[in-house]
Amino acid sequence: GHWYTVHTANGIVDTVSRSLLNADGFLLGAAQTGDDWIFRAR
């Protein structure tokens, strides 16, 4: 496979990231699963 950096202006992604930061959480990873994403966070 291949590693990429992708840039998005998607509001949901921004809200998830901002809400994680405000809750003192951080992302461990995420996987695309059809119509949605499954996230792992600490």
PDB file of all heavy atoms in Angstrom:
ATOM      1  N   GLY A   1       0.814  -1.210   0.000  1.00  0.00           N
ATOM      2  CA  GLY A   1       0.000   0.000   0.000  1.00  0.00           C
ATOM      3  C   GLY A   1       0.844   1.255   0.000  1.00  0.00           C
ATOM      4  O   GLY A   1       2.058   1.209  -0.232  1.00  0.00           O
ATOM      5  N   HIS A   2       0.196   2.376   0.283  1.00  0.00           N
ATOM      6  CA  HIS A   2       0.865   3.674   0.206  1.00  0.00           C
ATOM      7  C   HIS A   2       0.406   4.593   1.339  1.00  0.00           C
ATOM      8  O   HIS A   2      -0.754   4.568   1.747  1.00  0.00           O
ATOM      9  CB  HIS A   2       0.561   4.349  -1.137  1.00  0.00           C
ATOM     10  CG  HIS A   2       1.058   3.579  -2.314  1.00  0.00           C
ATOM     11  ND1 HIS A   2       2.301   3.790  -2.875  1.00  0.00           N
ATOM     12  CD2 HIS A   2       0.489   2.566  -3.021  1.00  0.00           C
ATOM     13  CE1 HIS A   2       2.472   2.955  -3.876  1.00  0.00           C
ATOM     14  NE2 HIS A   2       1.386   2.197  -3.989  1.00  0.00           N
ATOM     15  N   TRP A   3       1.350   5.426   1.805  1.00  0.00           N
ATOM     16  CA  TRP A   3       1.058   6.458   2.797  1.00  0.00           C
ATOM     17  C   TRP A   3       0.825   7.784   2.082  1.00  0.00           C
ATOM     18  O   TRP A   3       1.580   8.151   1.182  1.00  0.00           O
ATOM     19  CB  TRP A   3       2.216   6.608   3.782  1.00  0.00           C
ATOM     20  CG  TRP A   3       2.356   5.471   4.739  1.00  0.00           C
ATOM     21  CD1 TRP A   3       3.190   4.385   4.637  1.00  0.00           C
ATOM     22  CD2 TRP A   3       1.635   5.296   5.956  1.00  0.00           C
ATOM     23  NE1 TRP A   3       3.032   3.553   5.711  1.00  0.00           N
ATOM     24  CE2 TRP A   3       2.092   4.085   6.540  1.00  0.00           C
ATOM     25  CE3 TRP A   3       0.660   6.040   6.615  1.00  0.00           C
ATOM     26  CZ2 TRP A   3       1.587   3.606   7.754  1.00  0.00           C
ATOM     27  CZ3 TRP A   3       0.159   5.571   7.824  1.00  0.00           C
ATOM     28  CH2 TRP A   3       0.629   4.369   8.382  1.00  0.00           C
ATOM     29  N   TYR A   4      -0.229   8.484   2.513  1.00  0.00           N
ATOM     30  CA  TYR A   4      -0.562   9.792   1.950  1.00  0.00           C
ATOM     31  C   TYR A   4      -0.891  10.776   3.066  1.00  0.00           C
ATOM     32  O   TYR A   4      -1.330  10.383   4.153  1.00  0.00           O
ATOM     33  CB  TYR A   4      -1.800   9.705   1.040  1.00  0.00           C
ATOM     34  CG  TYR A   4      -1.546   9.092  -0.308  1.00  0.00           C
ATOM     35  CD1 TYR A   4      -1.605   7.716  -0.482  1.00  0.00           C
ATOM     36  CD2 TYR A   4      -1.251   9.886  -1.412  1.00  0.00           C
ATOM     37  CE1 TYR A   4      -1.371   7.143  -1.724  1.00  0.00           C
ATOM     38  CE2 TYR A   4      -1.020   9.322  -2.660  1.00  0.00           C
ATOM     39  CZ  TYR A   4      -1.077   7.949  -2.808  1.00  0.00           C
ATOM     40  OH  TYR A   4      -0.846   7.389  -4.033  1.00  0.00           O
ATOM     41  N   THR A   5      -0.668  12.048   2.787  1.00  0.00           N
ATOM     42  CA  THR A   5      -1.290  13.096   3.592  1.00  0.00           C
ATOM     43  C   THR A   5      -2.430  13.648   2.756  1.00  0.00           C
ATOM     44  O   THR A   5      -2.258  13.898   1.560  1.00  0.00           O
ATOM     45  CB  THR A   5      -0.300  14.230   3.939  1.00  0.00           C
ATOM     46  OG1 THR A   5       0.240  14.784   2.729  1.00  0.00           O
ATOM     47  CG2 THR A   5       0.831  13.719   4.810  1.00  0.00           C
ATOM     48  N   VAL A   6      -3.582  13.784   3.369  1.00  0.00           N
ATOM     49  CA  VAL A   6      -4.746  14.332   2.674  1.00  0.00           C
ATOM     50  C   VAL A   6      -5.270  15.512   3.469  1.00  0.00           C
ATOM     51  O   VAL A   6      -5.247  15.516   4.697  1.00  0.00           O
ATOM     52  CB  VAL A   6      -5.853  13.275   2.476  1.00  0.00           C
ATOM     53  CG1 VAL A   6      -5.357  12.135   1.599  1.00  0.00           C
ATOM     54  CG2 VAL A   6      -6.338  12.725   3.813  1.00  0.00           C
ATOM     55  N   HIS A   7      -5.736  16.523   2.759  1.00  0.00           N
ATOM     56  CA  HIS A   7      -6.257  17.732   3.389  1.00  0.00           C
ATOM     57  C   HIS A   7      -7.750  17.809   3.142  1.00  0.00           C
ATOM     58  O   HIS A   7      -8.215  17.595   2.024  1.00  0.00           O
ATOM     59  CB  HIS A   7      -5.567  18.976   2.819  1.00  0.00           C
ATOM     60  CG  HIS A   7      -5.876  20.221   3.587  1.00  0.00           C
ATOM     61  ND1 HIS A   7      -6.992  20.981   3.347  1.00  0.00           N
ATOM     62  CD2 HIS A   7      -5.219  20.836   4.611  1.00  0.00           C
ATOM     63  CE1 HIS A   7      -7.013  22.024   4.173  1.00  0.00           C
ATOM     64  NE2 HIS A   7      -5.955  21.951   4.951  1.00  0.00           N
ATOM     65  N   THR A   8      -8.511  18.062   4.208  1.00  0.00           N
ATOM     66  CA  THR A   8      -9.957  18.153   4.075  1.00  0.00           C
ATOM     67  C   THR A   8     -10.493  19.337   4.869  1.00  0.00           C
ATOM     68  O   THR A   8      -9.935  19.715   5.903  1.00  0.00           O
ATOM     69  CB  THR A   8     -10.649  16.863   4.560  1.00  0.00           C
ATOM     70  OG1 THR A   8     -12.076  17.004   4.454  1.00  0.00           O
ATOM     71  CG2 THR A   8     -10.307  16.571   6.015  1.00  0.00           C
ATOM     72  N   ALA A   9     -11.581  19.902   4.368  1.00  0.00           N
ATOM     73  CA  ALA A   9     -12.266  20.978   5.077  1.00  0.00           C
ATOM     74  C   ALA A   9     -13.587  20.477   5.652  1.00  0.00           C
ATOM     75  O   ALA A   9     -14.467  21.265   6.000  1.00  0.00           O
ATOM     76  CB  ALA A   9     -12.517  22.157   4.137  1.00  0.00           C
ATOM     77  N   ASN A  10     -13.717  19.143   5.776  1.00  0.00           N
ATOM     78  CA  ASN A  10     -14.944  18.542   6.284  1.00  0.00           C
ATOM     79  C   ASN A  10     -15.213  18.992   7.718  1.00  0.00           C
ATOM     80  O   ASN A  10     -14.366  18.849   8.597  1.00  0.00           O
ATOM     81  CB  ASN A  10     -14.839  17.015   6.220  1.00  0.00           C
ATOM     82  CG  ASN A  10     -16.101  16.321   6.673  1.00  0.00           C
ATOM     83  OD1 ASN A  10     -16.319  16.129   7.867  1.00  0.00           O
ATOM     84  ND2 ASN A  10     -16.949  15.940   5.723  1.00  0.00           N
ATOM     85  N   GLY A  11     -16.412  19.540   7.945  1.00  0.00           N
ATOM     86  CA  GLY A  11     -16.748  20.080   9.257  1.00  0.00           C
ATOM     87  C   GLY A  11     -16.831  19.029  10.342  1.00  0.00           C
ATOM     88  O   GLY A  11     -16.491  19.300  11.507  1.00  0.00           O
ATOM     89  N   ILE A  12     -17.276  17.814  10.014  1.00  0.00           N
ATOM     90  CA  ILE A  12     -17.386  16.761  11.019  1.00  0.00           C
ATOM     91  C   ILE A  12     -16.001  16.348  11.511  1.00  0.00           C
ATOM     92  O   ILE A  12     -15.778  16.178  12.710  1.00  0.00           O
ATOM     93  CB  ILE A  12     -18.151  15.550  10.447  1.00  0.00           C
ATOM     94  CG1 ILE A  12     -19.589  15.937  10.098  1.00  0.00           C
ATOM     95  CG2 ILE A  12     -18.135  14.392  11.446  1.00  0.00           C
ATOM     96  CD1 ILE A  12     -20.396  14.807   9.492  1.00  0.00           C
ATOM     97  N   VAL A  13     -15.073  16.193  10.581  1.00  0.00           N
ATOM     98  CA  VAL A  13     -13.708  15.822  10.957  1.00  0.00           C
ATOM     99  C   VAL A  13     -13.108  16.886  11.872  1.00  0.00           C
ATOM    100  O   VAL A  13     -12.484  16.573  12.890  1.00  0.00           O
ATOM    101  CB  VAL A  13     -12.825  15.639   9.705  1.00  0.00           C
ATOM    102  CG1 VAL A  13     -11.375  15.351  10.107  1.00  0.00           C
ATOM    103  CG2 VAL A  13     -13.365  14.524   8.830  1.00  0.00           C
ATOM    104  N   ASP A  14     -13.318  18.151  11.538  1.00  0.00           N
ATOM    105  CA  ASP A  14     -12.804  19.242  12.352  1.00  0.00           C
ATOM    106  C   ASP A  14     -13.414  19.210  13.749  1.00  0.00           C
ATOM    107  O   ASP A  14     -12.719  19.400  14.753  1.00  0.00           O
ATOM    108  CB  ASP A  14     -13.096  20.578  11.681  1.00  0.00           C
ATOM    109  CG  ASP A  14     -12.582  21.760  12.494  1.00  0.00           C
ATOM    110  OD1 ASP A  14     -11.353  21.978  12.511  1.00  0.00           O
ATOM    111  OD2 ASP A  14     -13.407  22.456  13.120  1.00  0.00           O
ATOM    112  N   THR A  15     -14.719  18.962  13.833  1.00  0.00           N
ATOM    113  CA  THR A  15     -15.399  18.929  15.125  1.00  0.00           C
ATOM    114  C   THR A  15     -14.905  17.773  15.982  1.00  0.00           C
ATOM    115  O   THR A  15     -14.697  17.913  17.191  1.00  0.00           O
ATOM    116  CB  THR A  15     -16.924  18.812  14.932  1.00  0.00           C
ATOM    117  OG1 THR A  15     -17.392  19.947  14.196  1.00  0.00           O
ATOM    118  CG2 THR A  15     -17.638  18.761  16.273  1.00  0.00           C
ATOM    119  N   VAL A  16     -14.718  16.609  15.365  1.00  0.00           N
ATOM    120  CA  VAL A  16     -14.196  15.454  16.097  1.00  0.00           C
ATOM    121  C   VAL A  16     -12.817  15.763  16.660  1.00  0.00           C
ATOM    122  O   VAL A  16     -12.535  15.506  17.839  1.00  0.00           O
ATOM    123  CB  VAL A  16     -14.135  14.211  15.192  1.00  0.00           C
ATOM    124  CG1 VAL A  16     -13.374  13.071  15.877  1.00  0.00           C
ATOM    125  CG2 VAL A  16     -15.533  13.741  14.822  1.00  0.00           C
ATOM    126  N   SER A  17     -11.948  16.332  15.841  1.00  0.00           N
ATOM    127  CA  SER A  17     -10.593  16.658  16.287  1.00  0.00           C
ATOM    128  C   SER A  17     -10.613  17.698  17.412  1.00  0.00           C
ATOM    129  O   SER A  17      -9.926  17.543  18.423  1.00  0.00           O
ATOM    130  CB  SER A  17      -9.775  17.178  15.101  1.00  0.00           C
ATOM    131  OG  SER A  17      -8.488  17.565  15.521  1.00  0.00           O
ATOM    132  N   ARG A  18     -11.398  18.740  17.226  1.00  0.00           N
ATOM    133  CA  ARG A  18     -11.471  19.808  18.236  1.00  0.00           C
ATOM    134  C   ARG A  18     -12.069  19.283  19.545  1.00  0.00           C
ATOM    135  O   ARG A  18     -11.588  19.631  20.635  1.00  0.00           O
ATOM    136  CB  ARG A  18     -12.306  20.959  17.679  1.00  0.00           C
ATOM    137  CG  ARG A  18     -12.559  22.095  18.640  1.00  0.00           C
ATOM    138  CD  ARG A  18     -13.053  23.343  17.901  1.00  0.00           C
ATOM    139  NE  ARG A  18     -14.020  23.016  16.877  1.00  0.00           N
ATOM    140  CZ  ARG A  18     -15.323  22.840  17.120  1.00  0.00           C
ATOM    141  NH1 ARG A  18     -15.775  22.911  18.362  1.00  0.00           N
ATOM    142  NH2 ARG A  18     -16.162  22.571  16.121  1.00  0.00           N
ATOM    143  N   SER A  19     -13.094  18.450  19.438  1.00  0.00           N
ATOM    144  CA  SER A  19     -13.737  17.904  20.638  1.00  0.00           C
ATOM    145  C   SER A  19     -12.806  16.958  21.381  1.00  0.00           C
ATOM    146  O   SER A  19     -12.811  16.902  22.623  1.00  0.00           O
ATOM    147  CB  SER A  19     -15.034  17.189  20.259  1.00  0.00           C
ATOM    148  OG  SER A  19     -15.953  18.090  19.660  1.00  0.00           O
ATOM    149  N   LEU A  20     -11.997  16.178  20.645  1.00  0.00           N
ATOM    150  CA  LEU A  20     -10.998  15.317  21.279  1.00  0.00           C
ATOM    151  C   LEU A  20     -10.011  16.152  22.090  1.00  0.00           C
ATOM    152  O   LEU A  20      -9.693  15.831  23.240  1.00  0.00           O
ATOM    153  CB  LEU A  20     -10.242  14.510  20.219  1.00  0.00           C
ATOM    154  CG  LEU A  20     -10.802  13.162  19.800  1.00  0.00           C
ATOM    155  CD1 LEU A  20      -9.992  12.601  18.644  1.00  0.00           C
ATOM    156  CD2 LEU A  20     -10.817  12.181  20.965  1.00  0.00           C
ATOM    157  N   LEU A  21      -9.533  17.219  21.483  1.00  0.00           N
ATOM    158  CA  LEU A  21      -8.566  18.087  22.148  1.00  0.00           C
ATOM    159  C   LEU A  21      -9.163  18.711  23.401  1.00  0.00           C
ATOM    160  O   LEU A  21      -8.529  18.741  24.456  1.00  0.00           O
ATOM    161  CB  LEU A  21      -8.106  19.183  21.182  1.00  0.00           C
ATOM    162  CG  LEU A  21      -7.036  20.144  21.707  1.00  0.00           C
ATOM    163  CD1 LEU A  21      -5.751  19.383  22.014  1.00  0.00           C
ATOM    164  CD2 LEU A  21      -6.768  21.242  20.681  1.00  0.00           C
ATOM    165  N   ASN A  22     -10.392  19.194  23.300  1.00  0.00           N
ATOM    166  CA  ASN A  22     -11.045  19.840  24.452  1.00  0.00           C
ATOM    167  C   ASN A  22     -11.309  18.860  25.591  1.00  0.00           C
ATOM    168  O   ASN A  22     -11.390  19.256  26.756  1.00  0.00           O
ATOM    169  CB  ASN A  22     -12.358  20.489  24.010  1.00  0.00           C
ATOM    170  CG  ASN A  22     -12.138  21.689  23.112  1.00  0.00           C
ATOM    171  OD1 ASN A  22     -11.062  22.283  23.108  1.00  0.00           O
ATOM    172  ND2 ASN A  22     -13.151  22.049  22.337  1.00  0.00           N
ATOM    173  N   ALA A  23     -11.447  17.570  25.239  1.00  0.00           N
ATOM    174  CA  ALA A  23     -11.716  16.551  26.261  1.00  0.00           C
ATOM    175  C   ALA A  23     -10.428  15.877  26.741  1.00  0.00           C
ATOM    176  O   ALA A  23     -10.481  14.866  27.453  1.00  0.00           O
ATOM    177  CB  ALA A  23     -12.665  15.498  25.707  1.00  0.00           C
ATOM    178  N   ASP A  24      -9.271  16.434  26.355  1.00  0.00           N
ATOM    179  CA  ASP A  24      -7.968  15.878  26.725  1.00  0.00           C
ATOM    180  C   ASP A  24      -7.758  14.468  26.182  1.00  0.00           C
ATOM    181  O   ASP A  24      -7.046  13.648  26.765  1.00  0.00           O
ATOM    182  CB  ASP A  24      -7.784  15.861  28.251  1.00  0.00           C
ATOM    183  CG  ASP A  24      -7.767  17.252  28.844  1.00  0.00           C
ATOM    184  OD1 ASP A  24      -7.233  18.159  28.190  1.00  0.00           O
ATOM    185  OD2 ASP A  24      -8.308  17.438  29.953  1.00  0.00           O
ATOM    186  N   GLY A  25      -8.384  14.193  25.022  1.00  0.00           N
ATOM    187  CA  GLY A  25      -8.191  12.904  24.379  1.00  0.00           C
ATOM    188  C   GLY A  25      -7.292  13.043  23.166  1.00  0.00           C
ATOM    189  O   GLY A  25      -7.016  14.153  22.713  1.00  0.00           O
ATOM    190  N   PHE A  26      -6.818  11.929  22.636  1.00  0.00           N
ATOM    191  CA  PHE A  26      -6.047  11.975  21.395  1.00  0.00           C
ATOM    192  C   PHE A  26      -6.314  10.714  20.580  1.00  0.00           C
ATOM    193  O   PHE A  26      -6.623   9.649  21.117  1.00  0.00           O
ATOM    194  CB  PHE A  26      -4.545  12.170  21.644  1.00  0.00           C
ATOM    195  CG  PHE A  26      -3.871  11.056  22.393  1.00  0.00           C
ATOM    196  CD1 PHE A  26      -3.373   9.942  21.743  1.00  0.00           C
ATOM    197  CD2 PHE A  26      -3.709  11.144  23.768  1.00  0.00           C
ATOM    198  CE1 PHE A  26      -2.738   8.931  22.431  1.00  0.00           C
ATOM    199  CE2 PHE A  26      -3.088  10.128  24.470  1.00  0.00           C
ATOM    200  CZ  PHE A  26      -2.600   9.022  23.803  1.00  0.00           C
ATOM    201  N   LEU A  27      -6.217  10.878  19.281  1.00  0.00           N
ATOM    202  CA  LEU A  27      -6.546   9.807  18.346  1.00  0.00           C
ATOM    203  C   LEU A  27      -5.448   8.755  18.299  1.00  0.00           C
ATOM    204  O   LEU A  27      -4.270   9.075  18.202  1.00  0.00           O
ATOM    205  CB  LEU A  27      -6.755  10.399  16.949  1.00  0.00           C
ATOM    206  CG  LEU A  27      -7.228   9.436  15.852  1.00  0.00           C
ATOM    207  CD1 LEU A  27      -8.671   9.036  16.101  1.00  0.00           C
ATOM    208  CD2 LEU A  27      -7.100  10.098  14.478  1.00  0.00           C
ATOM    209  N   LEU A  28      -5.846   7.488  18.359  1.00  0.00           N
ATOM    210  CA  LEU A  28      -4.918   6.382  18.182  1.00  0.00           C
ATOM    211  C   LEU A  28      -4.948   5.857  16.755  1.00  0.00           C
ATOM    212  O   LEU A  28      -3.965   5.329  16.256  1.00  0.00           O
ATOM    213  CB  LEU A  28      -5.266   5.244  19.152  1.00  0.00           C
ATOM    214  CG  LEU A  28      -5.122   5.545  20.639  1.00  0.00           C
ATOM    215  CD1 LEU A  28      -5.598   4.354  21.461  1.00  0.00           C
ATOM    216  CD2 LEU A  28      -3.683   5.889  20.992  1.00  0.00           C
ATOM    217  N   GLY A  29      -6.096   6.011  16.096  1.00  0.00           N
ATOM    218  CA  GLY A  29      -6.228   5.546  14.725  1.00  0.00           C
ATOM    219  C   GLY A  29      -7.685   5.513  14.314  1.00  0.00           C
ATOM    220  O   GLY A  29      -8.590   5.617  15.142  1.00  0.00           O
ATOM    221  N   ALA A  30      -7.910   5.394  13.007  1.00  0.00           N
ATOM    222  CA  ALA A  30      -9.270   5.310  12.483  1.00  0.00           C
ATOM    223  C   ALA A  30      -9.254   4.486  11.212  1.00  0.00           C
ATOM    224  O   ALA A  30      -8.277   4.501  10.465  1.00  0.00           O
ATOM    225  CB  ALA A  30      -9.835   6.703  12.209  1.00  0.00           C
ATOM    226  N   ALA A  31     -10.341   3.769  10.964  1.00  0.00           N
ATOM    227  CA  ALA A  31     -10.443   2.924   9.779  1.00  0.00           C
ATOM    228  C   ALA A  31     -11.776   3.149   9.098  1.00  0.00           C
ATOM    229  O   ALA A  31     -12.816   3.254   9.755  1.00  0.00           O
ATOM    230  CB  ALA A  31     -10.285   1.453  10.151  1.00  0.00           C
ATOM    231  N   GLN A  32     -11.732   3.228   7.766  1.00  0.00           N
ATOM    232  CA  GLN A  32     -12.944   3.408   6.974  1.00  0.00           C
ATOM    233  C   GLN A  32     -13.675   2.076   6.882  1.00  0.00           C
ATOM    234  O   GLN A  32     -13.082   1.050   6.573  1.00  0.00           O
ATOM    235  CB  GLN A  32     -12.568   3.906   5.572  1.00  0.00           C
ATOM    236  CG  GLN A  32     -13.568   4.833   4.931  1.00  0.00           C
ATOM    237  CD  GLN A  32     -14.646   4.075   4.163  1.00  0.00           C
ATOM    238  OE1 GLN A  32     -14.533   2.889   3.964  1.00  0.00           O
ATOM    239  NE2 GLN A  32     -15.658   4.784   3.734  1.00  0.00           N
ATOM    240  N   THR A  33     -14.967   2.073   7.211  1.00  0.00           N
ATOM    241  CA  THR A  33     -15.738   0.830   7.235  1.00  0.00           C
ATOM    242  C   THR A  33     -17.037   0.989   6.458  1.00  0.00           C
ATOM    243  O   THR A  33     -18.127   0.914   7.007  1.00  0.00           O
ATOM    244  CB  THR A  33     -16.065   0.391   8.670  1.00  0.00           C
ATOM    245  OG1 THR A  33     -16.808   1.446   9.317  1.00  0.00           O
ATOM    246  CG2 THR A  33     -14.814   0.111   9.459  1.00  0.00           C
ATOM    247  N   GLY A  34     -16.937   1.271   5.180  1.00  0.00           N
ATOM    248  CA  GLY A  34     -18.142   1.427   4.357  1.00  0.00           C
ATOM    249  C   GLY A  34     -18.678   2.840   4.432  1.00  0.00           C
ATOM    250  O   GLY A  34     -18.065   3.775   3.910  1.00  0.00           O
ATOM    251  N   ASP A  35     -19.825   3.012   5.097  1.00  0.00           N
ATOM    252  CA  ASP A  35     -20.448   4.329   5.169  1.00  0.00           C
ATOM    253  C   ASP A  35     -19.972   5.153   6.347  1.00  0.00           C
ATOM    254  O   ASP A  35     -20.356   6.318   6.486  1.00  0.00           O
ATOM    255  CB  ASP A  35     -21.982   4.191   5.253  1.00  0.00           C
ATOM    256  CG  ASP A  35     -22.568   3.605   3.978  1.00  0.00           C
ATOM    257  OD1 ASP A  35     -21.934   3.777   2.906  1.00  0.00           O
ATOM    258  OD2 ASP A  35     -23.642   2.984   4.054  1.00  0.00           O
ATOM    259  N   ASP A  36     -19.182   4.570   7.237  1.00  0.00           N
ATOM    260  CA  ASP A  36     -18.730   5.329   8.391  1.00  0.00           C
ATOM    261  C   ASP A  36     -17.277   4.989   8.719  1.00  0.00           C
ATOM    262  O   ASP A  36     -16.615   4.257   8.006  1.00  0.00           O
ATOM    263  CB  ASP A  36     -19.645   5.097   9.603  1.00  0.00           C
ATOM    264  CG  ASP A  36     -19.667   3.630  10.036  1.00  0.00           C
ATOM    265  OD1 ASP A  36     -18.921   2.823   9.453  1.00  0.00           O
ATOM    266  OD2 ASP A  36     -20.423   3.307  10.958  1.00  0.00           O
ATOM    267  N   TRP A  37     -16.794   5.581   9.798  1.00  0.00           N
ATOM    268  CA  TRP A  37     -15.438   5.350  10.273  1.00  0.00           C
ATOM    269  C   TRP A  37     -15.497   4.821  11.695  1.00  0.00           C
ATOM    270  O   TRP A  37     -16.337   5.238  12.488  1.00  0.00           O
ATOM    271  CB  TRP A  37     -14.631   6.655  10.269  1.00  0.00           C
ATOM    272  CG  TRP A  37     -14.202   7.108   8.918  1.00  0.00           C
ATOM    273  CD1 TRP A  37     -14.950   7.752   7.980  1.00  0.00           C
ATOM    274  CD2 TRP A  37     -12.901   6.958   8.344  1.00  0.00           C
ATOM    275  NE1 TRP A  37     -14.215   8.010   6.863  1.00  0.00           N
ATOM    276  CE2 TRP A  37     -12.945   7.544   7.057  1.00  0.00           C
ATOM    277  CE3 TRP A  37     -11.707   6.396   8.799  1.00  0.00           C
ATOM    278  CZ2 TRP A  37     -11.834   7.573   6.224  1.00  0.00           C
ATOM    279  CZ3 TRP A  37     -10.594   6.428   7.970  1.00  0.00           C
ATOM    280  CH2 TRP A  37     -10.664   7.011   6.691  1.00  0.00           C
ATOM    281  N   ILE A  38     -14.585   3.929  12.024  1.00  0.00           N
ATOM    282  CA  ILE A  38     -14.437   3.519  13.409  1.00  0.00           C
ATOM    283  C   ILE A  38     -13.140   4.128  13.931  1.00  0.00           C
ATOM    284  O   ILE A  38     -12.073   3.979  13.327  1.00  0.00           O
ATOM    285  CB  ILE A  38     -14.440   1.986  13.577  1.00  0.00           C
ATOM    286  CG1 ILE A  38     -14.330   1.636  15.057  1.00  0.00           C
ATOM    287  CG2 ILE A  38     -13.349   1.313  12.759  1.00  0.00           C
ATOM    288  CD1 ILE A  38     -14.634   0.196  15.380  1.00  0.00           C
ATOM    289  N   PHE A  39     -13.252   4.882  15.015  1.00  0.00           N
ATOM    290  CA  PHE A  39     -12.131   5.593  15.611  1.00  0.00           C
ATOM    291  C   PHE A  39     -11.706   4.901  16.898  1.00  0.00           C
ATOM    292  O   PHE A  39     -12.521   4.317  17.615  1.00  0.00           O
ATOM    293  CB  PHE A  39     -12.521   7.032  15.956  1.00  0.00           C
ATOM    294  CG  PHE A  39     -12.793   7.921  14.783  1.00  0.00           C
ATOM    295  CD1 PHE A  39     -14.017   7.875  14.126  1.00  0.00           C
ATOM    296  CD2 PHE A  39     -11.838   8.822  14.339  1.00  0.00           C
ATOM    297  CE1 PHE A  39     -14.285   8.703  13.044  1.00  0.00           C
ATOM    298  CE2 PHE A  39     -12.093   9.655  13.265  1.00  0.00           C
ATOM    299  CZ  PHE A  39     -13.319   9.590  12.619  1.00  0.00           C
ATOM    300  N   ARG A  40     -10.417   4.990  17.198  1.00  0.00           N
ATOM    301  CA  ARG A  40      -9.878   4.572  18.492  1.00  0.00           C
ATOM    302  C   ARG A  40      -9.178   5.775  19.091  1.00  0.00           C
ATOM    303  O   ARG A  40      -8.334   6.400  18.444  1.00  0.00           O
ATOM    304  CB  ARG A  40      -8.895   3.410  18.367  1.00  0.00           C
ATOM    305  CG  ARG A  40      -9.517   2.112  17.904  1.00  0.00           C
ATOM    306  CD  ARG A  40      -8.498   0.978  17.864  1.00  0.00           C
ATOM    307  NE  ARG A  40      -8.052   0.606  19.196  1.00  0.00           N
ATOM    308  CZ  ARG A  40      -6.861   0.860  19.699  1.00  0.00           C
ATOM    309  NH1 ARG A  40      -5.952   1.513  18.989  1.00  0.00           N
ATOM    310  NH2 ARG A  40      -6.540   0.476  20.912  1.00  0.00           N
ATOM    311  N   ALA A  41      -9.541   6.103  20.329  1.00  0.00           N
ATOM    312  CA  ALA A  41      -8.954   7.269  20.985  1.00  0.00           C
ATOM    313  C   ALA A  41      -8.691   6.958  22.447  1.00  0.00           C
ATOM    314  O   ALA A  41      -9.356   6.111  23.044  1.00  0.00           O
ATOM    315  CB  ALA A  41      -9.877   8.474  20.857  1.00  0.00           C
ATOM    316  N   ARG A  42      -7.726   7.644  23.011  1.00  0.00           N
ATOM    317  CA  ARG A  42      -7.407   7.473  24.432  1.00  0.00           C
ATOM    318  C   ARG A  42      -7.861   8.704  25.207  1.00  0.00           C
ATOM    319  O   ARG A  42      -7.647   9.841  24.773  1.00  0.00           O
ATOM    320  CB  ARG A  42      -5.908   7.252  24.628  1.00  0.00           C
ATOM    321  CG  ARG A  42      -5.513   6.973  26.081  1.00  0.00           C
ATOM    322  CD  ARG A  42      -4.001   6.811  26.222  1.00  0.00           C
ATOM    323  NE  ARG A  42      -3.527   5.586  25.604  1.00  0.00           N
ATOM    324  CZ  ARG A  42      -3.555   4.404  26.197  1.00  0.00           C
ATOM    325  NH1 ARG A  42      -4.057   4.270  27.424  1.00  0.00           N
ATOM    326  NH2 ARG A  42      -3.082   3.336  25.580  1.00  0.00           N
TER     327      ARG A  42
END
